[in-house]
Amino acid sequence: LEEKHKEVEPVIQESNENNKPSKKANREELLEEFKNKGKVELNFPAKYKGLTPYKVLAEYGDEGRKELESIIPVLEKNKTRFPKNVDAINEIQKALTEYAEFEKVSSANREQKAEKEVAADNFDKIVEEIKALGKETMIGIETICRSRGTTLQAIISSRDEAELKSIYETYRNLKKELEERKKK
């Protein structure tokens, strides 16, 4: 029975790496950083033997997170018998906290990227629509741009969607007015 409980005892080894959390948004960079963090190597479960909690999270992601969360109660139960478990518990909790923060940042970055892609698609659609309407439309829009102190090419280069929409809307309104005047 004593031998069975020794599996739970972590081996503490000091790491030369700096343990300050970094605020890198890129998942690969942060996971690379996680591989170099931590000072407590786990002996339990056997699959993670020799890995720090950070390395477990870096290599196994959410699966590793779930398993680390599940071994905390086992370590808690045996911490009076194996005082080194306290260090392991603390490091696991710290690693899980940093991983959760990372996931929040990563999720927010993915959402921002998706929003930018949608906005870029809208901008590109407007540009394509303007170009598809022909030379007369291009000349009219370029005239409106010059009256505002810019050019269509400058707006396209800066990808200023609000300005492009405003100019395009102005062009459509002017064209509509001209057509109404012709009818009268």
N, C-alpha and C. Protein backbone atom coordinates (compact mmCIF):
# COMPACT_ATOMS: atom_id res chain seq x y z
N LEU A 1 0.83 -1.20 0.00
CA LEU A 1 0.00 0.00 0.00
C LEU A 1 0.87 1.26 0.00
N GLU A 2 1.95 1.25 0.77
CA GLU A 2 2.85 2.38 0.84
C GLU A 2 3.45 2.67 -0.55
N GLU A 3 3.79 1.65 -1.28
CA GLU A 3 4.37 1.79 -2.60
C GLU A 3 3.39 2.47 -3.57
N LYS A 4 2.13 2.14 -3.43
CA LYS A 4 1.09 2.72 -4.28
C LYS A 4 0.99 4.22 -4.07
N HIS A 5 1.10 4.67 -2.83
CA HIS A 5 0.98 6.10 -2.53
C HIS A 5 2.23 6.88 -2.91
N LYS A 6 3.36 6.22 -3.05
CA LYS A 6 4.58 6.91 -3.46
C LYS A 6 4.47 7.43 -4.88
N GLU A 7 3.62 6.81 -5.69
CA GLU A 7 3.41 7.30 -7.05
C GLU A 7 2.91 8.73 -7.06
N VAL A 8 2.21 9.11 -6.02
CA VAL A 8 1.60 10.43 -5.95
C VAL A 8 2.62 11.50 -5.57
N GLU A 9 3.73 11.10 -4.95
CA GLU A 9 4.71 12.05 -4.47
C GLU A 9 5.47 12.68 -5.64
N PRO A 10 5.40 14.01 -5.80
CA PRO A 10 6.13 14.66 -6.88
C PRO A 10 7.60 14.85 -6.51
N VAL A 11 8.43 14.91 -7.50
CA VAL A 11 9.85 15.18 -7.28
C VAL A 11 10.06 16.65 -7.59
N ILE A 12 10.65 17.37 -6.65
CA ILE A 12 10.87 18.81 -6.84
C ILE A 12 12.25 19.02 -7.43
N GLN A 13 12.31 19.74 -8.54
CA GLN A 13 13.57 20.12 -9.15
C GLN A 13 13.47 21.58 -9.52
N GLU A 14 14.50 22.33 -9.19
CA GLU A 14 14.52 23.75 -9.52
C GLU A 14 14.79 23.92 -11.01
N SER A 15 14.13 24.88 -11.59
CA SER A 15 14.32 25.19 -12.99
C SER A 15 15.08 26.50 -13.10
N ASN A 16 15.91 26.64 -14.09
CA ASN A 16 16.66 27.87 -14.30
C ASN A 16 15.84 28.92 -15.04
N GLU A 17 14.66 28.55 -15.50
CA GLU A 17 13.83 29.45 -16.29
C GLU A 17 13.13 30.47 -15.42
N ASN A 18 12.88 31.62 -15.99
CA ASN A 18 12.14 32.68 -15.32
C ASN A 18 10.67 32.30 -15.28
N ASN A 19 10.03 32.40 -14.12
CA ASN A 19 8.65 31.97 -13.98
C ASN A 19 7.64 33.11 -14.06
N LYS A 20 8.03 34.27 -14.58
CA LYS A 20 7.08 35.37 -14.71
C LYS A 20 6.14 35.10 -15.87
N PRO A 21 4.84 35.36 -15.68
CA PRO A 21 3.91 35.12 -16.79
C PRO A 21 4.10 36.14 -17.89
N SER A 22 3.99 35.72 -19.10
CA SER A 22 4.10 36.60 -20.24
C SER A 22 2.71 36.84 -20.81
N LYS A 23 2.52 38.00 -21.44
CA LYS A 23 1.20 38.31 -21.99
C LYS A 23 1.20 38.15 -23.50
N LYS A 24 1.87 37.12 -23.99
CA LYS A 24 1.90 36.86 -25.43
C LYS A 24 0.54 36.35 -25.86
N ALA A 25 0.03 36.90 -26.95
CA ALA A 25 -1.29 36.51 -27.42
C ALA A 25 -1.24 35.28 -28.32
N ASN A 26 -0.13 35.03 -28.93
CA ASN A 26 -0.04 33.93 -29.87
C ASN A 26 0.02 32.60 -29.13
N ARG A 27 -0.89 31.72 -29.44
CA ARG A 27 -1.01 30.44 -28.75
C ARG A 27 0.29 29.63 -28.80
N GLU A 28 0.90 29.53 -29.96
CA GLU A 28 2.12 28.73 -30.08
C GLU A 28 3.23 29.29 -29.21
N GLU A 29 3.37 30.61 -29.19
CA GLU A 29 4.41 31.22 -28.37
C GLU A 29 4.17 30.97 -26.89
N LEU A 30 2.92 31.11 -26.46
CA LEU A 30 2.63 30.90 -25.05
C LEU A 30 2.83 29.44 -24.67
N LEU A 31 2.38 28.54 -25.52
CA LEU A 31 2.57 27.13 -25.22
C LEU A 31 4.05 26.78 -25.22
N GLU A 32 4.82 27.41 -26.09
CA GLU A 32 6.27 27.20 -26.07
C GLU A 32 6.85 27.69 -24.75
N GLU A 33 6.34 28.82 -24.27
CA GLU A 33 6.78 29.35 -22.98
C GLU A 33 6.38 28.41 -21.85
N PHE A 34 5.19 27.84 -21.91
CA PHE A 34 4.74 26.91 -20.87
C PHE A 34 5.67 25.71 -20.76
N LYS A 35 6.23 25.28 -21.88
CA LYS A 35 7.12 24.12 -21.85
C LYS A 35 8.35 24.38 -20.99
N ASN A 36 8.73 25.65 -20.83
CA ASN A 36 9.93 26.00 -20.09
C ASN A 36 9.65 26.47 -18.67
N LYS A 37 8.43 26.40 -18.24
CA LYS A 37 8.07 26.89 -16.90
C LYS A 37 7.89 25.74 -15.93
N GLY A 38 7.94 26.11 -14.68
CA GLY A 38 7.62 25.15 -13.62
C GLY A 38 8.85 24.56 -12.97
N LYS A 39 8.66 24.18 -11.71
CA LYS A 39 9.77 23.58 -10.97
C LYS A 39 9.40 22.22 -10.38
N VAL A 40 8.12 21.86 -10.40
CA VAL A 40 7.69 20.59 -9.84
C VAL A 40 7.40 19.62 -10.97
N GLU A 41 8.13 18.50 -10.98
CA GLU A 41 7.86 17.47 -11.97
C GLU A 41 6.95 16.42 -11.35
N LEU A 42 5.96 16.03 -12.10
CA LEU A 42 4.97 15.08 -11.61
C LEU A 42 5.43 13.64 -11.80
N ASN A 43 5.05 12.79 -10.86
CA ASN A 43 5.25 11.34 -11.01
C ASN A 43 3.92 10.64 -11.18
N PHE A 44 2.82 11.39 -11.08
CA PHE A 44 1.48 10.83 -11.11
C PHE A 44 0.61 11.72 -11.96
N PRO A 45 -0.17 11.25 -12.84
CA PRO A 45 -0.23 9.88 -13.35
C PRO A 45 1.03 9.55 -14.17
N ALA A 46 1.26 8.29 -14.39
CA ALA A 46 2.48 7.81 -15.05
C ALA A 46 2.68 8.45 -16.42
N LYS A 47 1.61 8.75 -17.10
CA LYS A 47 1.66 9.37 -18.42
C LYS A 47 2.38 10.71 -18.38
N TYR A 48 2.32 11.41 -17.25
CA TYR A 48 2.92 12.73 -17.10
C TYR A 48 4.20 12.71 -16.29
N LYS A 49 4.75 11.54 -16.04
CA LYS A 49 5.95 11.42 -15.21
C LYS A 49 7.08 12.24 -15.83
N GLY A 50 7.68 13.08 -14.99
CA GLY A 50 8.79 13.92 -15.43
C GLY A 50 8.38 15.24 -16.05
N LEU A 51 7.09 15.48 -16.21
CA LEU A 51 6.61 16.73 -16.79
C LEU A 51 6.15 17.68 -15.68
N THR A 52 6.34 18.97 -15.91
CA THR A 52 5.77 19.96 -14.99
C THR A 52 4.32 20.18 -15.40
N PRO A 53 3.50 20.75 -14.52
CA PRO A 53 2.11 21.04 -14.92
C PRO A 53 2.04 21.93 -16.16
N TYR A 54 3.00 22.85 -16.29
CA TYR A 54 3.03 23.72 -17.47
C TYR A 54 3.28 22.91 -18.75
N LYS A 55 4.21 21.96 -18.67
CA LYS A 55 4.49 21.13 -19.84
C LYS A 55 3.29 20.26 -20.19
N VAL A 56 2.58 19.79 -19.18
CA VAL A 56 1.37 19.00 -19.43
C VAL A 56 0.36 19.85 -20.20
N LEU A 57 0.16 21.09 -19.75
CA LEU A 57 -0.78 21.98 -20.44
C LEU A 57 -0.30 22.31 -21.85
N ALA A 58 1.01 22.52 -22.00
CA ALA A 58 1.55 22.86 -23.31
C ALA A 58 1.39 21.70 -24.30
N GLU A 59 1.62 20.50 -23.83
CA GLU A 59 1.60 19.36 -24.74
C GLU A 59 0.22 18.75 -24.93
N TYR A 60 -0.63 18.81 -23.90
CA TYR A 60 -1.92 18.12 -23.96
C TYR A 60 -3.13 19.06 -23.99
N GLY A 61 -2.92 20.36 -23.79
CA GLY A 61 -4.01 21.32 -23.89
C GLY A 61 -5.15 21.05 -22.92
N ASP A 62 -6.38 21.05 -23.43
CA ASP A 62 -7.56 20.88 -22.58
C ASP A 62 -7.62 19.50 -21.94
N GLU A 63 -7.15 18.48 -22.64
CA GLU A 63 -7.11 17.14 -22.05
C GLU A 63 -6.20 17.15 -20.82
N GLY A 64 -5.05 17.80 -20.94
CA GLY A 64 -4.13 17.91 -19.81
C GLY A 64 -4.73 18.71 -18.67
N ARG A 65 -5.46 19.78 -19.03
CA ARG A 65 -6.11 20.61 -18.01
C ARG A 65 -7.10 19.78 -17.20
N LYS A 66 -7.91 19.00 -17.89
CA LYS A 66 -8.91 18.17 -17.20
C LYS A 66 -8.24 17.15 -16.28
N GLU A 67 -7.17 16.55 -16.76
CA GLU A 67 -6.49 15.55 -15.93
C GLU A 67 -5.79 16.19 -14.74
N LEU A 68 -5.20 17.37 -14.94
CA LEU A 68 -4.57 18.06 -13.80
C LEU A 68 -5.61 18.42 -12.75
N GLU A 69 -6.77 18.88 -13.22
CA GLU A 69 -7.85 19.20 -12.27
C GLU A 69 -8.29 17.95 -11.50
N SER A 70 -8.25 16.82 -12.17
CA SER A 70 -8.71 15.59 -11.50
C SER A 70 -7.68 15.01 -10.53
N ILE A 71 -6.39 15.35 -10.69
CA ILE A 71 -5.40 14.79 -9.76
C ILE A 71 -5.22 15.64 -8.51
N ILE A 72 -5.71 16.88 -8.54
CA ILE A 72 -5.59 17.73 -7.35
C ILE A 72 -6.22 17.07 -6.12
N PRO A 73 -7.44 16.51 -6.20
CA PRO A 73 -8.01 15.87 -5.01
C PRO A 73 -7.16 14.70 -4.48
N VAL A 74 -6.54 13.95 -5.39
CA VAL A 74 -5.68 12.84 -4.97
C VAL A 74 -4.46 13.37 -4.22
N LEU A 75 -3.87 14.43 -4.75
CA LEU A 75 -2.72 15.03 -4.08
C LEU A 75 -3.12 15.63 -2.74
N GLU A 76 -4.30 16.26 -2.70
CA GLU A 76 -4.81 16.84 -1.44
C GLU A 76 -4.97 15.76 -0.38
N LYS A 77 -5.51 14.63 -0.79
CA LYS A 77 -5.77 13.54 0.14
C LYS A 77 -4.47 13.01 0.76
N ASN A 78 -3.40 13.03 0.00
CA ASN A 78 -2.14 12.45 0.45
C ASN A 78 -1.11 13.48 0.90
N LYS A 79 -1.51 14.75 1.04
CA LYS A 79 -0.51 15.77 1.35
C LYS A 79 0.05 15.66 2.77
N THR A 80 -0.70 15.09 3.72
CA THR A 80 -0.14 14.93 5.06
C THR A 80 0.95 13.87 5.06
N ARG A 81 0.79 12.86 4.25
CA ARG A 81 1.78 11.80 4.15
C ARG A 81 2.98 12.25 3.30
N PHE A 82 2.69 13.04 2.27
CA PHE A 82 3.73 13.52 1.36
C PHE A 82 3.67 15.04 1.29
N PRO A 83 4.41 15.74 2.16
CA PRO A 83 4.36 17.21 2.19
C PRO A 83 4.73 17.88 0.86
N LYS A 84 5.47 17.18 0.03
CA LYS A 84 5.84 17.75 -1.28
C LYS A 84 4.62 17.93 -2.18
N ASN A 85 3.54 17.25 -1.86
CA ASN A 85 2.32 17.40 -2.65
C ASN A 85 1.79 18.83 -2.59
N VAL A 86 2.05 19.53 -1.49
CA VAL A 86 1.59 20.92 -1.36
C VAL A 86 2.18 21.76 -2.48
N ASP A 87 3.50 21.59 -2.73
CA ASP A 87 4.14 22.33 -3.82
C ASP A 87 3.53 21.96 -5.17
N ALA A 88 3.27 20.69 -5.35
CA ALA A 88 2.67 20.23 -6.61
C ALA A 88 1.28 20.82 -6.79
N ILE A 89 0.48 20.82 -5.73
CA ILE A 89 -0.88 21.38 -5.80
C ILE A 89 -0.81 22.86 -6.15
N ASN A 90 0.07 23.60 -5.47
CA ASN A 90 0.19 25.04 -5.73
C ASN A 90 0.61 25.31 -7.17
N GLU A 91 1.58 24.55 -7.66
CA GLU A 91 2.03 24.78 -9.03
C GLU A 91 0.96 24.39 -10.05
N ILE A 92 0.25 23.31 -9.79
CA ILE A 92 -0.84 22.92 -10.70
C ILE A 92 -1.90 24.01 -10.74
N GLN A 93 -2.28 24.53 -9.58
CA GLN A 93 -3.30 25.58 -9.54
C GLN A 93 -2.81 26.84 -10.25
N LYS A 94 -1.54 27.20 -10.04
CA LYS A 94 -0.98 28.38 -10.71
C LYS A 94 -0.97 28.17 -12.23
N ALA A 95 -0.55 26.99 -12.66
CA ALA A 95 -0.51 26.70 -14.09
C ALA A 95 -1.91 26.72 -14.70
N LEU A 96 -2.88 26.16 -13.97
CA LEU A 96 -4.26 26.16 -14.47
C LEU A 96 -4.81 27.58 -14.57
N THR A 97 -4.47 28.42 -13.60
CA THR A 97 -4.91 29.82 -13.63
C THR A 97 -4.32 30.54 -14.84
N GLU A 98 -3.02 30.37 -15.06
CA GLU A 98 -2.37 31.01 -16.21
C GLU A 98 -2.94 30.48 -17.53
N TYR A 99 -3.22 29.20 -17.56
CA TYR A 99 -3.79 28.60 -18.77
C TYR A 99 -5.18 29.17 -19.05
N ALA A 100 -5.99 29.33 -17.99
CA ALA A 100 -7.33 29.90 -18.15
C ALA A 100 -7.25 31.34 -18.66
N GLU A 101 -6.30 32.12 -18.11
CA GLU A 101 -6.12 33.50 -18.58
C GLU A 101 -5.72 33.51 -20.05
N PHE A 102 -4.81 32.61 -20.39
CA PHE A 102 -4.37 32.51 -21.77
C PHE A 102 -5.53 32.17 -22.69
N GLU A 103 -6.38 31.24 -22.28
CA GLU A 103 -7.52 30.85 -23.10
C GLU A 103 -8.47 32.03 -23.33
N LYS A 104 -8.66 32.86 -22.30
CA LYS A 104 -9.52 34.04 -22.45
C LYS A 104 -8.93 34.99 -23.48
N VAL A 105 -7.63 35.27 -23.37
CA VAL A 105 -6.96 36.17 -24.31
C VAL A 105 -6.99 35.59 -25.71
N SER A 106 -6.72 34.32 -25.81
CA SER A 106 -6.71 33.64 -27.11
C SER A 106 -8.08 33.69 -27.76
N SER A 107 -9.12 33.46 -26.97
CA SER A 107 -10.49 33.49 -27.48
C SER A 107 -10.85 34.89 -27.96
N ALA A 108 -10.49 35.89 -27.17
CA ALA A 108 -10.77 37.28 -27.55
C ALA A 108 -10.03 37.64 -28.84
N ASN A 109 -8.79 37.19 -28.98
CA ASN A 109 -8.03 37.47 -30.19
C ASN A 109 -8.65 36.79 -31.41
N ARG A 110 -9.14 35.57 -31.23
CA ARG A 110 -9.79 34.87 -32.35
C ARG A 110 -11.05 35.63 -32.78
N GLU A 111 -11.82 36.13 -31.80
CA GLU A 111 -13.03 36.89 -32.13
C GLU A 111 -12.69 38.17 -32.86
N GLN A 112 -11.64 38.89 -32.41
CA GLN A 112 -11.23 40.12 -33.08
C GLN A 112 -10.78 39.83 -34.50
N LYS A 113 -10.04 38.76 -34.67
CA LYS A 113 -9.56 38.39 -36.00
C LYS A 113 -10.73 38.08 -36.92
N ALA A 114 -11.72 37.37 -36.41
CA ALA A 114 -12.91 37.04 -37.20
C ALA A 114 -13.66 38.30 -37.60
N GLU A 115 -13.79 39.25 -36.65
CA GLU A 115 -14.47 40.51 -36.95
C GLU A 115 -13.72 41.29 -38.02
N LYS A 116 -12.38 41.31 -37.93
CA LYS A 116 -11.58 42.02 -38.92
C LYS A 116 -11.72 41.38 -40.29
N GLU A 117 -11.79 40.04 -40.32
CA GLU A 117 -11.95 39.35 -41.60
C GLU A 117 -13.29 39.69 -42.23
N VAL A 118 -14.35 39.77 -41.42
CA VAL A 118 -15.67 40.15 -41.93
C VAL A 118 -15.63 41.57 -42.46
N ALA A 119 -15.00 42.48 -41.69
CA ALA A 119 -14.89 43.87 -42.12
C ALA A 119 -14.08 43.96 -43.41
N ALA A 120 -13.00 43.20 -43.51
CA ALA A 120 -12.19 43.20 -44.72
C ALA A 120 -13.00 42.68 -45.90
N ASP A 121 -13.80 41.66 -45.66
CA ASP A 121 -14.65 41.15 -46.73
C ASP A 121 -15.63 42.21 -47.21
N ASN A 122 -16.25 42.96 -46.27
CA ASN A 122 -17.18 44.02 -46.64
C ASN A 122 -16.47 45.10 -47.45
N PHE A 123 -15.29 45.50 -47.00
CA PHE A 123 -14.52 46.53 -47.70
C PHE A 123 -14.22 46.07 -49.12
N ASP A 124 -13.71 44.85 -49.24
CA ASP A 124 -13.37 44.32 -50.56
C ASP A 124 -14.59 44.19 -51.47
N LYS A 125 -15.74 43.84 -50.89
CA LYS A 125 -16.97 43.74 -51.68
C LYS A 125 -17.37 45.11 -52.23
N ILE A 126 -17.25 46.14 -51.40
CA ILE A 126 -17.60 47.49 -51.86
C ILE A 126 -16.67 47.92 -52.99
N VAL A 127 -15.38 47.69 -52.83
CA VAL A 127 -14.41 48.05 -53.87
C VAL A 127 -14.73 47.31 -55.17
N GLU A 128 -15.00 46.01 -55.07
CA GLU A 128 -15.33 45.22 -56.26
C GLU A 128 -16.62 45.73 -56.92
N GLU A 129 -17.60 46.09 -56.09
CA GLU A 129 -18.86 46.60 -56.63
C GLU A 129 -18.64 47.90 -57.39
N ILE A 130 -17.82 48.79 -56.82
CA ILE A 130 -17.52 50.06 -57.48
C ILE A 130 -16.83 49.81 -58.82
N LYS A 131 -15.84 48.93 -58.80
CA LYS A 131 -15.11 48.63 -60.04
C LYS A 131 -16.01 47.98 -61.08
N ALA A 132 -16.94 47.15 -60.63
CA ALA A 132 -17.84 46.45 -61.56
C ALA A 132 -18.83 47.40 -62.23
N LEU A 133 -19.12 48.53 -61.59
CA LEU A 133 -20.09 49.47 -62.16
C LEU A 133 -19.54 50.27 -63.34
N GLY A 134 -18.25 50.17 -63.57
CA GLY A 134 -17.69 50.76 -64.77
C GLY A 134 -16.99 52.09 -64.58
N LYS A 135 -16.54 52.60 -65.74
CA LYS A 135 -15.71 53.81 -65.77
C LYS A 135 -16.46 55.04 -65.29
N GLU A 136 -17.73 55.18 -65.67
CA GLU A 136 -18.52 56.35 -65.26
C GLU A 136 -18.61 56.43 -63.74
N THR A 137 -18.86 55.30 -63.10
CA THR A 137 -18.94 55.26 -61.64
C THR A 137 -17.59 55.61 -61.02
N MET A 138 -16.53 55.06 -61.57
CA MET A 138 -15.19 55.33 -61.05
C MET A 138 -14.87 56.82 -61.14
N ILE A 139 -15.22 57.45 -62.26
CA ILE A 139 -14.96 58.88 -62.42
C ILE A 139 -15.77 59.68 -61.41
N GLY A 140 -17.05 59.32 -61.24
CA GLY A 140 -17.90 60.02 -60.28
C GLY A 140 -17.38 59.89 -58.85
N ILE A 141 -16.99 58.71 -58.48
CA ILE A 141 -16.47 58.48 -57.12
C ILE A 141 -15.14 59.20 -56.94
N GLU A 142 -14.30 59.17 -57.95
CA GLU A 142 -13.00 59.87 -57.86
C GLU A 142 -13.22 61.37 -57.71
N THR A 143 -14.23 61.92 -58.39
CA THR A 143 -14.55 63.34 -58.26
C THR A 143 -14.97 63.67 -56.83
N ILE A 144 -15.82 62.84 -56.25
CA ILE A 144 -16.25 63.05 -54.85
C ILE A 144 -15.04 62.94 -53.92
N CYS A 145 -14.18 61.99 -54.18
CA CYS A 145 -12.97 61.82 -53.34
C CYS A 145 -12.12 63.08 -53.39
N ARG A 146 -11.89 63.62 -54.60
CA ARG A 146 -11.07 64.83 -54.73
C ARG A 146 -11.71 66.02 -54.03
N SER A 147 -13.04 66.09 -54.06
CA SER A 147 -13.71 67.20 -53.37
C SER A 147 -13.53 67.10 -51.86
N ARG A 148 -13.22 65.91 -51.38
CA ARG A 148 -12.96 65.70 -49.95
C ARG A 148 -11.47 65.70 -49.63
N GLY A 149 -10.64 65.99 -50.64
CA GLY A 149 -9.21 66.09 -50.41
C GLY A 149 -8.47 64.77 -50.37
N THR A 150 -8.99 63.78 -51.07
CA THR A 150 -8.34 62.47 -51.09
C THR A 150 -8.54 61.85 -52.46
N THR A 151 -8.11 60.62 -52.61
CA THR A 151 -8.34 59.87 -53.84
C THR A 151 -8.89 58.50 -53.49
N LEU A 152 -9.50 57.88 -54.46
CA LEU A 152 -10.03 56.54 -54.24
C LEU A 152 -8.90 55.57 -53.90
N GLN A 153 -7.77 55.73 -54.59
CA GLN A 153 -6.63 54.84 -54.33
C GLN A 153 -6.12 55.01 -52.90
N ALA A 154 -6.11 56.23 -52.38
CA ALA A 154 -5.67 56.48 -51.00
C ALA A 154 -6.62 55.80 -50.01
N ILE A 155 -7.90 55.86 -50.29
CA ILE A 155 -8.88 55.21 -49.41
C ILE A 155 -8.72 53.70 -49.46
N ILE A 156 -8.50 53.17 -50.65
CA ILE A 156 -8.30 51.72 -50.78
C ILE A 156 -7.02 51.30 -50.06
N SER A 157 -5.96 52.08 -50.21
CA SER A 157 -4.69 51.75 -49.55
C SER A 157 -4.81 51.78 -48.03
N SER A 158 -5.56 52.77 -47.51
CA SER A 158 -5.71 52.88 -46.05
C SER A 158 -6.80 51.95 -45.53
N ARG A 159 -7.57 51.37 -46.44
CA ARG A 159 -8.67 50.46 -46.09
C ARG A 159 -9.65 51.13 -45.12
N ASP A 160 -9.95 52.40 -45.39
CA ASP A 160 -10.88 53.18 -44.56
C ASP A 160 -12.30 52.87 -45.03
N GLU A 161 -12.90 51.88 -44.39
CA GLU A 161 -14.23 51.42 -44.81
C GLU A 161 -15.29 52.49 -44.62
N ALA A 162 -15.22 53.21 -43.51
CA ALA A 162 -16.22 54.24 -43.23
C ALA A 162 -16.20 55.32 -44.31
N GLU A 163 -15.01 55.76 -44.69
CA GLU A 163 -14.88 56.79 -45.73
C GLU A 163 -15.36 56.26 -47.07
N LEU A 164 -15.00 55.02 -47.39
CA LEU A 164 -15.42 54.43 -48.66
C LEU A 164 -16.94 54.31 -48.72
N LYS A 165 -17.55 53.85 -47.64
CA LYS A 165 -19.01 53.74 -47.60
C LYS A 165 -19.66 55.11 -47.76
N SER A 166 -19.12 56.11 -47.07
CA SER A 166 -19.66 57.46 -47.14
C SER A 166 -19.60 58.00 -48.57
N ILE A 167 -18.47 57.84 -49.21
CA ILE A 167 -18.31 58.33 -50.58
C ILE A 167 -19.22 57.57 -51.54
N TYR A 168 -19.29 56.27 -51.38
CA TYR A 168 -20.13 55.46 -52.25
C TYR A 168 -21.60 55.82 -52.06
N GLU A 169 -22.01 56.04 -50.83
CA GLU A 169 -23.40 56.44 -50.54
C GLU A 169 -23.69 57.82 -51.15
N THR A 170 -22.74 58.73 -51.03
CA THR A 170 -22.90 60.06 -51.64
C THR A 170 -23.05 59.93 -53.15
N TYR A 171 -22.22 59.09 -53.77
CA TYR A 171 -22.31 58.88 -55.21
C TYR A 171 -23.68 58.33 -55.60
N ARG A 172 -24.15 57.33 -54.87
CA ARG A 172 -25.46 56.75 -55.21
C ARG A 172 -26.58 57.78 -55.05
N ASN A 173 -26.51 58.60 -54.01
CA ASN A 173 -27.53 59.64 -53.81
C ASN A 173 -27.50 60.67 -54.94
N LEU A 174 -26.29 61.10 -55.35
CA LEU A 174 -26.17 62.06 -56.45
C LEU A 174 -26.70 61.47 -57.75
N LYS A 175 -26.36 60.23 -58.00
CA LYS A 175 -26.83 59.57 -59.22
C LYS A 175 -28.35 59.46 -59.22
N LYS A 176 -28.92 59.14 -58.07
CA LYS A 176 -30.37 59.04 -57.93
C LYS A 176 -31.03 60.39 -58.20
N GLU A 177 -30.44 61.47 -57.66
CA GLU A 177 -30.97 62.82 -57.89
C GLU A 177 -30.93 63.18 -59.37
N LEU A 178 -29.81 62.87 -60.04
CA LEU A 178 -29.69 63.17 -61.46
C LEU A 178 -30.74 62.43 -62.29
N GLU A 179 -30.99 61.18 -61.95
CA GLU A 179 -32.00 60.40 -62.66
C GLU A 179 -33.39 60.98 -62.45
N GLU A 180 -33.67 61.47 -61.24
CA GLU A 180 -34.98 62.08 -60.95
C GLU A 180 -35.14 63.37 -61.73
N ARG A 181 -34.05 64.16 -61.85
CA ARG A 181 -34.12 65.42 -62.60
C ARG A 181 -34.35 65.16 -64.09
N LYS A 182 -33.75 64.10 -64.60
CA LYS A 182 -33.92 63.76 -66.01
C LYS A 182 -35.37 63.38 -66.31
N LYS A 183 -36.04 62.75 -65.36
CA LYS A 183 -37.42 62.33 -65.54
C LYS A 183 -38.36 63.52 -65.59
N LYS A 184 -38.02 64.61 -64.92
CA LYS A 184 -38.90 65.79 -64.86
C LYS A 184 -38.74 66.59 -66.07
